[in-house]
PDB file of N, CA and C in Angstrom:
ATOM      1  N   MET A   1     105.637  82.852  75.592  1.00  0.00           N
ATOM      2  CA  MET A   1     106.072  82.438  76.907  1.00  0.00           C
ATOM      3  C   MET A   1     107.512  81.945  76.863  1.00  0.00           C
ATOM      4  N   SER A   2     107.833  81.181  75.850  1.00  0.00           N
ATOM      5  CA  SER A   2     109.184  80.659  75.721  1.00  0.00           C
ATOM      6  C   SER A   2     110.185  81.786  75.492  1.00  0.00           C
ATOM      7  N   ASP A   3     109.777  82.797  74.734  1.00  0.00           N
ATOM      8  CA  ASP A   3     110.659  83.926  74.472  1.00  0.00           C
ATOM      9  C   ASP A   3     110.953  84.682  75.765  1.00  0.00           C
ATOM     10  N   ASN A   4     109.931  84.854  76.598  1.00  0.00           N
ATOM     11  CA  ASN A   4     110.111  85.524  77.875  1.00  0.00           C
ATOM     12  C   ASN A   4     111.039  84.715  78.777  1.00  0.00           C
ATOM     13  N   SER A   5     110.904  83.397  78.746  1.00  0.00           N
ATOM     14  CA  SER A   5     111.748  82.520  79.541  1.00  0.00           C
ATOM     15  C   SER A   5     113.208  82.624  79.093  1.00  0.00           C
ATOM     16  N   ASN A   6     113.426  82.668  77.777  1.00  0.00           N
ATOM     17  CA  ASN A   6     114.785  82.807  77.258  1.00  0.00           C
ATOM     18  C   ASN A   6     115.389  84.139  77.651  1.00  0.00           C
ATOM     19  N   THR A   7     114.578  85.184  77.674  1.00  0.00           N
ATOM     20  CA  THR A   7     115.067  86.503  78.066  1.00  0.00           C
ATOM     21  C   THR A   7     115.527  86.473  79.519  1.00  0.00           C
ATOM     22  N   MET A   8     114.749  85.838  80.369  1.00  0.00           N
ATOM     23  CA  MET A   8     115.117  85.753  81.786  1.00  0.00           C
ATOM     24  C   MET A   8     116.384  84.931  81.976  1.00  0.00           C
ATOM     25  N   LEU A   9     116.490  83.815  81.273  1.00  0.00           N
ATOM     26  CA  LEU A   9     117.697  82.995  81.377  1.00  0.00           C
ATOM     27  C   LEU A   9     118.927  83.759  80.906  1.00  0.00           C
ATOM     28  N   THR A  10     118.787  84.498  79.828  1.00  0.00           N
ATOM     29  CA  THR A  10     119.906  85.296  79.320  1.00  0.00           C
ATOM     30  C   THR A  10     120.304  86.350  80.336  1.00  0.00           C
ATOM     31  N   TYR A  11     119.322  87.013  80.932  1.00  0.00           N
ATOM     32  CA  TYR A  11     119.605  88.036  81.935  1.00  0.00           C
ATOM     33  C   TYR A  11     120.337  87.435  83.127  1.00  0.00           C
ATOM     34  N   LEU A  12     119.870  86.273  83.596  1.00  0.00           N
ATOM     35  CA  LEU A  12     120.519  85.652  84.757  1.00  0.00           C
ATOM     36  C   LEU A  12     121.912  85.142  84.430  1.00  0.00           C
ATOM     37  N   ARG A  13     122.143  84.730  83.195  1.00  0.00           N
ATOM     38  CA  ARG A  13     123.507  84.328  82.807  1.00  0.00           C
ATOM     39  C   ARG A  13     124.449  85.522  82.808  1.00  0.00           C
ATOM     40  N   GLN A  14     123.941  86.681  82.426  1.00  0.00           N
ATOM     41  CA  GLN A  14     124.775  87.878  82.390  1.00  0.00           C
ATOM     42  C   GLN A  14     124.952  88.486  83.778  1.00  0.00           C
ATOM     43  N   ASN A  15     124.019  88.233  84.683  1.00  0.00           N
ATOM     44  CA  ASN A  15     124.058  88.792  86.040  1.00  0.00           C
ATOM     45  C   ASN A  15     123.847  87.680  87.056  1.00  0.00           C
ATOM     46  N   PRO A  16     124.870  86.869  87.305  1.00  0.00           N
ATOM     47  CA  PRO A  16     124.679  85.706  88.194  1.00  0.00           C
ATOM     48  C   PRO A  16     124.341  86.082  89.636  1.00  0.00           C
ATOM     49  N   ARG A  17     124.686  87.282  90.080  1.00  0.00           N
ATOM     50  CA  ARG A  17     124.345  87.680  91.448  1.00  0.00           C
ATOM     51  C   ARG A  17     122.845  87.787  91.650  1.00  0.00           C
ATOM     52  N   MET A  18     122.136  88.083  90.579  1.00  0.00           N
ATOM     53  CA  MET A  18     120.688  88.224  90.696  1.00  0.00           C
ATOM     54  C   MET A  18     120.017  86.906  91.047  1.00  0.00           C
ATOM     55  N   MET A  19     120.638  85.773  90.702  1.00  0.00           N
ATOM     56  CA  MET A  19     120.069  84.482  91.109  1.00  0.00           C
ATOM     57  C   MET A  19     120.023  84.389  92.619  1.00  0.00           C
ATOM     58  N   GLY A  20     121.097  84.806  93.277  1.00  0.00           N
ATOM     59  CA  GLY A  20     121.130  84.800  94.727  1.00  0.00           C
ATOM     60  C   GLY A  20     120.135  85.770  95.321  1.00  0.00           C
ATOM     61  N   VAL A  21     120.010  86.935  94.712  1.00  0.00           N
ATOM     62  CA  VAL A  21     119.062  87.941  95.192  1.00  0.00           C
ATOM     63  C   VAL A  21     117.634  87.418  95.065  1.00  0.00           C
ATOM     64  N   LEU A  22     117.303  86.829  93.921  1.00  0.00           N
ATOM     65  CA  LEU A  22     115.956  86.295  93.725  1.00  0.00           C
ATOM     66  C   LEU A  22     115.665  85.143  94.676  1.00  0.00           C
ATOM     67  N   PHE A  23     116.659  84.295  94.913  1.00  0.00           N
ATOM     68  CA  PHE A  23     116.474  83.177  95.837  1.00  0.00           C
ATOM     69  C   PHE A  23     116.237  83.682  97.258  1.00  0.00           C
ATOM     70  N   THR A  24     117.043  84.659  97.682  1.00  0.00           N
ATOM     71  CA  THR A  24     116.890  85.225  99.020  1.00  0.00           C
ATOM     72  C   THR A  24     115.543  85.918  99.170  1.00  0.00           C
ATOM     73  N   LEU A  25     115.128  86.633  98.145  1.00  0.00           N
ATOM     74  CA  LEU A  25     113.829  87.306  98.184  1.00  0.00           C
ATOM     75  C   LEU A  25     112.696  86.299  98.293  1.00  0.00           C
ATOM     76  N   THR A  26     112.826  85.190  97.583  1.00  0.00           N
ATOM     77  CA  THR A  26     111.812  84.139  97.665  1.00  0.00           C
ATOM     78  C   THR A  26     111.735  83.563  99.076  1.00  0.00           C
ATOM     79  N   LEU A  27     112.893  83.326  99.687  1.00  0.00           N
ATOM     80  CA  LEU A  27     112.893  82.807 101.055  1.00  0.00           C
ATOM     81  C   LEU A  27     112.272  83.793 102.031  1.00  0.00           C
ATOM     82  N   LEU A  28     112.627  85.070 101.900  1.00  0.00           N
ATOM     83  CA  LEU A  28     112.078  86.071 102.816  1.00  0.00           C
ATOM     84  C   LEU A  28     110.564  86.206 102.666  1.00  0.00           C
ATOM     85  N   LEU A  29     110.083  86.175 101.430  1.00  0.00           N
ATOM     86  CA  LEU A  29     108.635  86.273 101.228  1.00  0.00           C
ATOM     87  C   LEU A  29     107.909  85.047 101.770  1.00  0.00           C
ATOM     88  N   ALA A  30     108.512  83.883 101.630  1.00  0.00           N
ATOM     89  CA  ALA A  30     107.895  82.665 102.161  1.00  0.00           C
ATOM     90  C   ALA A  30     107.830  82.723 103.688  1.00  0.00           C
ATOM     91  N   GLN A  31     108.888  83.220 104.316  1.00  0.00           N
ATOM     92  CA  GLN A  31     108.891  83.322 105.771  1.00  0.00           C
ATOM     93  C   GLN A  31     107.921  84.392 106.253  1.00  0.00           C
ATOM     94  N   ALA A  32     107.819  85.475 105.530  1.00  0.00           N
ATOM     95  CA  ALA A  32     106.888  86.541 105.923  1.00  0.00           C
ATOM     96  C   ALA A  32     105.451  86.044 105.813  1.00  0.00           C
ATOM     97  N   GLY A  33     105.164  85.250 104.804  1.00  0.00           N
ATOM     98  CA  GLY A  33     103.821  84.691 104.665  1.00  0.00           C
ATOM     99  C   GLY A  33     103.480  83.773 105.812  1.00  0.00           C
ATOM    100  N   ASN A  34     104.421  82.929 106.204  1.00  0.00           N
ATOM    101  CA  ASN A  34     104.181  82.028 107.332  1.00  0.00           C
ATOM    102  C   ASN A  34     104.018  82.804 108.630  1.00  0.00           C
ATOM    103  N   ALA A  35     104.820  83.837 108.827  1.00  0.00           N
ATOM    104  CA  ALA A  35     104.738  84.623 110.053  1.00  0.00           C
ATOM    105  C   ALA A  35     103.404  85.360 110.135  1.00  0.00           C
ATOM    106  N   SER A  36     102.955  85.913 109.030  1.00  0.00           N
ATOM    107  CA  SER A  36     101.673  86.626 109.058  1.00  0.00           C
ATOM    108  C   SER A  36     100.509  85.661 109.243  1.00  0.00           C
ATOM    109  N   ALA A  37     100.628  84.450 108.724  1.00  0.00           N
ATOM    110  CA  ALA A  37      99.573  83.460 108.923  1.00  0.00           C
ATOM    111  C   ALA A  37      99.507  83.031 110.387  1.00  0.00           C
ATOM    112  N   ASN A  38     100.646  82.959 111.054  1.00  0.00           N
ATOM    113  CA  ASN A  38     100.660  82.581 112.467  1.00  0.00           C
ATOM    114  C   ASN A  38     100.100  83.689 113.354  1.00  0.00           C
ATOM    115  N   MET A  39     100.198  84.940 112.900  1.00  0.00           N
ATOM    116  CA  MET A  39      99.720  86.056 113.704  1.00  0.00           C
ATOM    117  C   MET A  39      98.215  86.276 113.528  1.00  0.00           C
ATOM    118  N   ALA A  40      97.605  85.608 112.578  1.00  0.00           N
ATOM    119  CA  ALA A  40      96.176  85.788 112.335  1.00  0.00           C
ATOM    120  C   ALA A  40      95.377  85.282 113.534  1.00  0.00           C
ATOM    121  N   THR A  41      94.347  85.998 113.861  1.00  0.00           N
ATOM    122  CA  THR A  41      93.485  85.564 114.973  1.00  0.00           C
ATOM    123  C   THR A  41      92.152  85.077 114.412  1.00  0.00           C
ATOM    124  N   ILE A  42      91.583  84.138 115.093  1.00  0.00           N
ATOM    125  CA  ILE A  42      90.311  83.582 114.675  1.00  0.00           C
ATOM    126  C   ILE A  42      89.234  84.143 115.580  1.00  0.00           C
ATOM    127  N   ILE A  43      88.238  84.756 114.972  1.00  0.00           N
ATOM    128  CA  ILE A  43      87.102  85.272 115.727  1.00  0.00           C
ATOM    129  C   ILE A  43      85.917  84.373 115.414  1.00  0.00           C
ATOM    130  N   SER A  44      85.459  83.682 116.422  1.00  0.00           N
ATOM    131  CA  SER A  44      84.380  82.727 116.182  1.00  0.00           C
ATOM    132  C   SER A  44      83.042  83.310 116.632  1.00  0.00           C
ATOM    133  N   GLY A  45      82.234  83.564 115.672  1.00  0.00           N
ATOM    134  CA  GLY A  45      80.850  83.966 115.938  1.00  0.00           C
ATOM    135  C   GLY A  45      80.682  85.345 116.552  1.00  0.00           C
ATOM    136  N   PRO A  46      79.423  85.752 116.685  1.00  0.00           N
ATOM    137  CA  PRO A  46      79.112  87.071 117.264  1.00  0.00           C
ATOM    138  C   PRO A  46      79.145  87.072 118.778  1.00  0.00           C
TER     139      PRO A  46
END
């Protein structure tokens, strides 16, 4: 696990733009999850 973590840190040090891309992707996925949860409908009983 630590080796994988070091690999990711090394990659992000070599490609600093990817930090911004990953952060933006995280924000978009979090917002999409909230939006889809708000669109869910509740069907109560038969």
